[in-house]
Amino acid sequence: MIDQILSDGERVVVEADLLTKHGETIPYEFTGIPVEDDNRVIGVVGIGRRLSP
């Protein structure tokens, strides 16, 4: 996801399962966007949110 954001310079959304230390999988959605300075990508900021209650 980070590589895609850095190469494309656009927002990316992906879904993935996180594996807990107890072996449970929890569905998450991750969104990342590039941080720019002078039209140059200098970093990435993102957020993850749990998709199940």
PDB file of N, CA and C in Angstrom:
ATOM      1  N   MET A   1       0.827  -1.190   0.000  1.00  0.00           N
ATOM      2  CA  MET A   1       0.000   0.000   0.000  1.00  0.00           C
ATOM      3  C   MET A   1       0.869   1.251   0.000  1.00  0.00           C
ATOM      4  N   ILE A   2       1.880   1.265   0.839  1.00  0.00           N
ATOM      5  CA  ILE A   2       2.757   2.436   0.908  1.00  0.00           C
ATOM      6  C   ILE A   2       3.488   2.631  -0.409  1.00  0.00           C
ATOM      7  N   ASP A   3       3.990   1.565  -0.998  1.00  0.00           N
ATOM      8  CA  ASP A   3       4.665   1.666  -2.292  1.00  0.00           C
ATOM      9  C   ASP A   3       3.737   2.237  -3.358  1.00  0.00           C
ATOM     10  N   GLN A   4       2.471   1.809  -3.337  1.00  0.00           N
ATOM     11  CA  GLN A   4       1.497   2.295  -4.329  1.00  0.00           C
ATOM     12  C   GLN A   4       1.239   3.783  -4.132  1.00  0.00           C
ATOM     13  N   ILE A   5       1.090   4.219  -2.889  1.00  0.00           N
ATOM     14  CA  ILE A   5       0.864   5.641  -2.607  1.00  0.00           C
ATOM     15  C   ILE A   5       2.059   6.465  -3.082  1.00  0.00           C
ATOM     16  N   LEU A   6       3.271   5.996  -2.764  1.00  0.00           N
ATOM     17  CA  LEU A   6       4.469   6.743  -3.143  1.00  0.00           C
ATOM     18  C   LEU A   6       4.667   6.788  -4.651  1.00  0.00           C
ATOM     19  N   SER A   7       4.352   5.700  -5.352  1.00  0.00           N
ATOM     20  CA  SER A   7       4.565   5.690  -6.802  1.00  0.00           C
ATOM     21  C   SER A   7       3.461   6.424  -7.555  1.00  0.00           C
ATOM     22  N   ASP A   8       2.184   6.285  -7.097  1.00  0.00           N
ATOM     23  CA  ASP A   8       1.062   6.909  -7.800  1.00  0.00           C
ATOM     24  C   ASP A   8       0.751   8.311  -7.290  1.00  0.00           C
ATOM     25  N   GLY A   9       1.097   8.597  -6.036  1.00  0.00           N
ATOM     26  CA  GLY A   9       0.791   9.897  -5.449  1.00  0.00           C
ATOM     27  C   GLY A   9      -0.690  10.115  -5.221  1.00  0.00           C
ATOM     28  N   GLU A  10      -1.435   9.033  -5.027  1.00  0.00           N
ATOM     29  CA  GLU A  10      -2.882   9.133  -4.841  1.00  0.00           C
ATOM     30  C   GLU A  10      -3.328   8.352  -3.612  1.00  0.00           C
ATOM     31  N   ARG A  11      -4.559   8.624  -3.186  1.00  0.00           N
ATOM     32  CA  ARG A  11      -5.180   7.924  -2.059  1.00  0.00           C
ATOM     33  C   ARG A  11      -5.376   6.447  -2.396  1.00  0.00           C
ATOM     34  N   VAL A  12      -5.130   5.581  -1.400  1.00  0.00           N
ATOM     35  CA  VAL A  12      -5.297   4.146  -1.581  1.00  0.00           C
ATOM     36  C   VAL A  12      -6.114   3.604  -0.413  1.00  0.00           C
ATOM     37  N   VAL A  13      -7.051   2.714  -0.723  1.00  0.00           N
ATOM     38  CA  VAL A  13      -7.867   2.046   0.299  1.00  0.00           C
ATOM     39  C   VAL A  13      -7.747   0.540   0.092  1.00  0.00           C
ATOM     40  N   VAL A  14      -7.426  -0.186   1.162  1.00  0.00           N
ATOM     41  CA  VAL A  14      -7.334  -1.639   1.097  1.00  0.00           C
ATOM     42  C   VAL A  14      -8.007  -2.241   2.320  1.00  0.00           C
ATOM     43  N   GLU A  15      -8.493  -3.458   2.157  1.00  0.00           N
ATOM     44  CA  GLU A  15      -9.037  -4.226   3.277  1.00  0.00           C
ATOM     45  C   GLU A  15      -8.126  -5.402   3.544  1.00  0.00           C
ATOM     46  N   ALA A  16      -7.931  -5.697   4.823  1.00  0.00           N
ATOM     47  CA  ALA A  16      -7.078  -6.811   5.212  1.00  0.00           C
ATOM     48  C   ALA A  16      -7.528  -7.331   6.570  1.00  0.00           C
ATOM     49  N   ASP A  17      -7.220  -8.588   6.832  1.00  0.00           N
ATOM     50  CA  ASP A  17      -7.510  -9.175   8.140  1.00  0.00           C
ATOM     51  C   ASP A  17      -6.275  -9.064   9.016  1.00  0.00           C
ATOM     52  N   LEU A  18      -6.488  -8.586  10.246  1.00  0.00           N
ATOM     53  CA  LEU A  18      -5.413  -8.572  11.230  1.00  0.00           C
ATOM     54  C   LEU A  18      -5.532  -9.834  12.073  1.00  0.00           C
ATOM     55  N   LEU A  19      -4.413 -10.434  12.385  1.00  0.00           N
ATOM     56  CA  LEU A  19      -4.376 -11.644  13.186  1.00  0.00           C
ATOM     57  C   LEU A  19      -3.974 -11.279  14.608  1.00  0.00           C
ATOM     58  N   THR A  20      -4.840 -11.584  15.578  1.00  0.00           N
ATOM     59  CA  THR A  20      -4.529 -11.288  16.972  1.00  0.00           C
ATOM     60  C   THR A  20      -3.604 -12.354  17.542  1.00  0.00           C
ATOM     61  N   LYS A  21      -3.039 -12.077  18.713  1.00  0.00           N
ATOM     62  CA  LYS A  21      -2.152 -13.053  19.336  1.00  0.00           C
ATOM     63  C   LYS A  21      -2.901 -14.298  19.783  1.00  0.00           C
ATOM     64  N   HIS A  22      -4.246 -14.228  19.815  1.00  0.00           N
ATOM     65  CA  HIS A  22      -5.072 -15.379  20.183  1.00  0.00           C
ATOM     66  C   HIS A  22      -5.553 -16.162  18.960  1.00  0.00           C
ATOM     67  N   GLY A  23      -5.092 -15.770  17.770  1.00  0.00           N
ATOM     68  CA  GLY A  23      -5.433 -16.486  16.549  1.00  0.00           C
ATOM     69  C   GLY A  23      -6.727 -16.031  15.887  1.00  0.00           C
ATOM     70  N   GLU A  24      -7.343 -14.987  16.396  1.00  0.00           N
ATOM     71  CA  GLU A  24      -8.578 -14.439  15.815  1.00  0.00           C
ATOM     72  C   GLU A  24      -8.217 -13.492  14.680  1.00  0.00           C
ATOM     73  N   THR A  25      -9.002 -13.506  13.608  1.00  0.00           N
ATOM     74  CA  THR A  25      -8.803 -12.536  12.529  1.00  0.00           C
ATOM     75  C   THR A  25      -9.879 -11.461  12.629  1.00  0.00           C
ATOM     76  N   ILE A  26      -9.455 -10.232  12.450  1.00  0.00           N
ATOM     77  CA  ILE A  26     -10.346  -9.081  12.546  1.00  0.00           C
ATOM     78  C   ILE A  26     -10.240  -8.293  11.246  1.00  0.00           C
ATOM     79  N   PRO A  27     -11.367  -8.087  10.537  1.00  0.00           N
ATOM     80  CA  PRO A  27     -11.313  -7.329   9.286  1.00  0.00           C
ATOM     81  C   PRO A  27     -11.095  -5.831   9.534  1.00  0.00           C
ATOM     82  N   TYR A  28     -10.159  -5.252   8.782  1.00  0.00           N
ATOM     83  CA  TYR A  28      -9.843  -3.825   8.877  1.00  0.00           C
ATOM     84  C   TYR A  28      -9.822  -3.215   7.487  1.00  0.00           C
ATOM     85  N   GLU A  29     -10.095  -1.925   7.452  1.00  0.00           N
ATOM     86  CA  GLU A  29      -9.939  -1.139   6.232  1.00  0.00           C
ATOM     87  C   GLU A  29      -8.854  -0.092   6.503  1.00  0.00           C
ATOM     88  N   PHE A  30      -7.896   0.000   5.598  1.00  0.00           N
ATOM     89  CA  PHE A  30      -6.817   0.965   5.735  1.00  0.00           C
ATOM     90  C   PHE A  30      -6.888   1.966   4.596  1.00  0.00           C
ATOM     91  N   THR A  31      -6.768   3.243   4.939  1.00  0.00           N
ATOM     92  CA  THR A  31      -6.752   4.315   3.954  1.00  0.00           C
ATOM     93  C   THR A  31      -5.449   5.088   4.129  1.00  0.00           C
ATOM     94  N   GLY A  32      -4.760   5.338   3.035  1.00  0.00           N
ATOM     95  CA  GLY A  32      -3.521   6.106   3.083  1.00  0.00           C
ATOM     96  C   GLY A  32      -3.504   7.161   2.003  1.00  0.00           C
ATOM     97  N   ILE A  33      -2.912   8.303   2.326  1.00  0.00           N
ATOM     98  CA  ILE A  33      -2.775   9.387   1.354  1.00  0.00           C
ATOM     99  C   ILE A  33      -1.348   9.927   1.412  1.00  0.00           C
ATOM    100  N   PRO A  34      -0.877  10.474   0.303  1.00  0.00           N
ATOM    101  CA  PRO A  34       0.465  11.048   0.301  1.00  0.00           C
ATOM    102  C   PRO A  34       0.485  12.416   0.992  1.00  0.00           C
ATOM    103  N   VAL A  35       1.605  12.729   1.597  1.00  0.00           N
ATOM    104  CA  VAL A  35       1.859  14.063   2.147  1.00  0.00           C
ATOM    105  C   VAL A  35       2.839  14.725   1.191  1.00  0.00           C
ATOM    106  N   GLU A  36       2.470  15.900   0.699  1.00  0.00           N
ATOM    107  CA  GLU A  36       3.280  16.555  -0.322  1.00  0.00           C
ATOM    108  C   GLU A  36       3.833  17.887   0.161  1.00  0.00           C
ATOM    109  N   ASP A  37       4.982  18.252  -0.408  1.00  0.00           N
ATOM    110  CA  ASP A  37       5.603  19.552  -0.195  1.00  0.00           C
ATOM    111  C   ASP A  37       6.186  19.976  -1.538  1.00  0.00           C
ATOM    112  N   ASP A  38       5.768  21.117  -2.032  1.00  0.00           N
ATOM    113  CA  ASP A  38       6.214  21.588  -3.354  1.00  0.00           C
ATOM    114  C   ASP A  38       5.963  20.542  -4.433  1.00  0.00           C
ATOM    115  N   ASN A  39       4.773  19.926  -4.412  1.00  0.00           N
ATOM    116  CA  ASN A  39       4.366  18.915  -5.398  1.00  0.00           C
ATOM    117  C   ASN A  39       5.265  17.686  -5.410  1.00  0.00           C
ATOM    118  N   ARG A  40       5.910  17.403  -4.277  1.00  0.00           N
ATOM    119  CA  ARG A  40       6.760  16.226  -4.149  1.00  0.00           C
ATOM    120  C   ARG A  40       6.275  15.436  -2.939  1.00  0.00           C
ATOM    121  N   VAL A  41       6.081  14.135  -3.094  1.00  0.00           N
ATOM    122  CA  VAL A  41       5.624  13.296  -1.989  1.00  0.00           C
ATOM    123  C   VAL A  41       6.767  13.132  -0.998  1.00  0.00           C
ATOM    124  N   ILE A  42       6.505  13.534   0.260  1.00  0.00           N
ATOM    125  CA  ILE A  42       7.538  13.450   1.294  1.00  0.00           C
ATOM    126  C   ILE A  42       7.177  12.466   2.401  1.00  0.00           C
ATOM    127  N   GLY A  43       5.988  11.888   2.313  1.00  0.00           N
ATOM    128  CA  GLY A  43       5.572  10.934   3.333  1.00  0.00           C
ATOM    129  C   GLY A  43       4.183  10.399   3.066  1.00  0.00           C
ATOM    130  N   VAL A  44       3.696   9.610   4.007  1.00  0.00           N
ATOM    131  CA  VAL A  44       2.384   8.984   3.907  1.00  0.00           C
ATOM    132  C   VAL A  44       1.689   9.104   5.257  1.00  0.00           C
ATOM    133  N   VAL A  45       0.403   9.385   5.222  1.00  0.00           N
ATOM    134  CA  VAL A  45      -0.399   9.372   6.442  1.00  0.00           C
ATOM    135  C   VAL A  45      -1.560   8.412   6.207  1.00  0.00           C
ATOM    136  N   GLY A  46      -1.935   7.671   7.241  1.00  0.00           N
ATOM    137  CA  GLY A  46      -2.998   6.694   7.059  1.00  0.00           C
ATOM    138  C   GLY A  46      -3.774   6.445   8.324  1.00  0.00           C
ATOM    139  N   ILE A  47      -4.863   5.728   8.139  1.00  0.00           N
ATOM    140  CA  ILE A  47      -5.726   5.360   9.259  1.00  0.00           C
ATOM    141  C   ILE A  47      -6.295   3.966   8.982  1.00  0.00           C
ATOM    142  N   GLY A  48      -6.491   3.225  10.037  1.00  0.00           N
ATOM    143  CA  GLY A  48      -7.129   1.918   9.927  1.00  0.00           C
ATOM    144  C   GLY A  48      -8.377   1.893  10.783  1.00  0.00           C
ATOM    145  N   ARG A  49      -9.411   1.235  10.278  1.00  0.00           N
ATOM    146  CA  ARG A  49     -10.631   1.133  11.074  1.00  0.00           C
ATOM    147  C   ARG A  49     -11.155  -0.292  11.026  1.00  0.00           C
ATOM    148  N   ARG A  50     -11.613  -0.739  12.162  1.00  0.00           N
ATOM    149  CA  ARG A  50     -12.175  -2.086  12.283  1.00  0.00           C
ATOM    150  C   ARG A  50     -13.512  -2.136  11.568  1.00  0.00           C
ATOM    151  N   LEU A  51     -13.736  -3.178  10.787  1.00  0.00           N
ATOM    152  CA  LEU A  51     -14.981  -3.298  10.024  1.00  0.00           C
ATOM    153  C   LEU A  51     -16.048  -4.120  10.726  1.00  0.00           C
ATOM    154  N   SER A  52     -15.713  -4.796  11.808  1.00  0.00           N
ATOM    155  CA  SER A  52     -16.698  -5.591  12.526  1.00  0.00           C
ATOM    156  C   SER A  52     -16.886  -5.020  13.925  1.00  0.00           C
ATOM    157  N   PRO A  53     -18.053  -5.267  14.531  1.00  0.00           N
ATOM    158  CA  PRO A  53     -18.309  -4.711  15.876  1.00  0.00           C
ATOM    159  C   PRO A  53     -17.415  -5.300  16.941  1.00  0.00           C
TER     160      PRO A  53
END
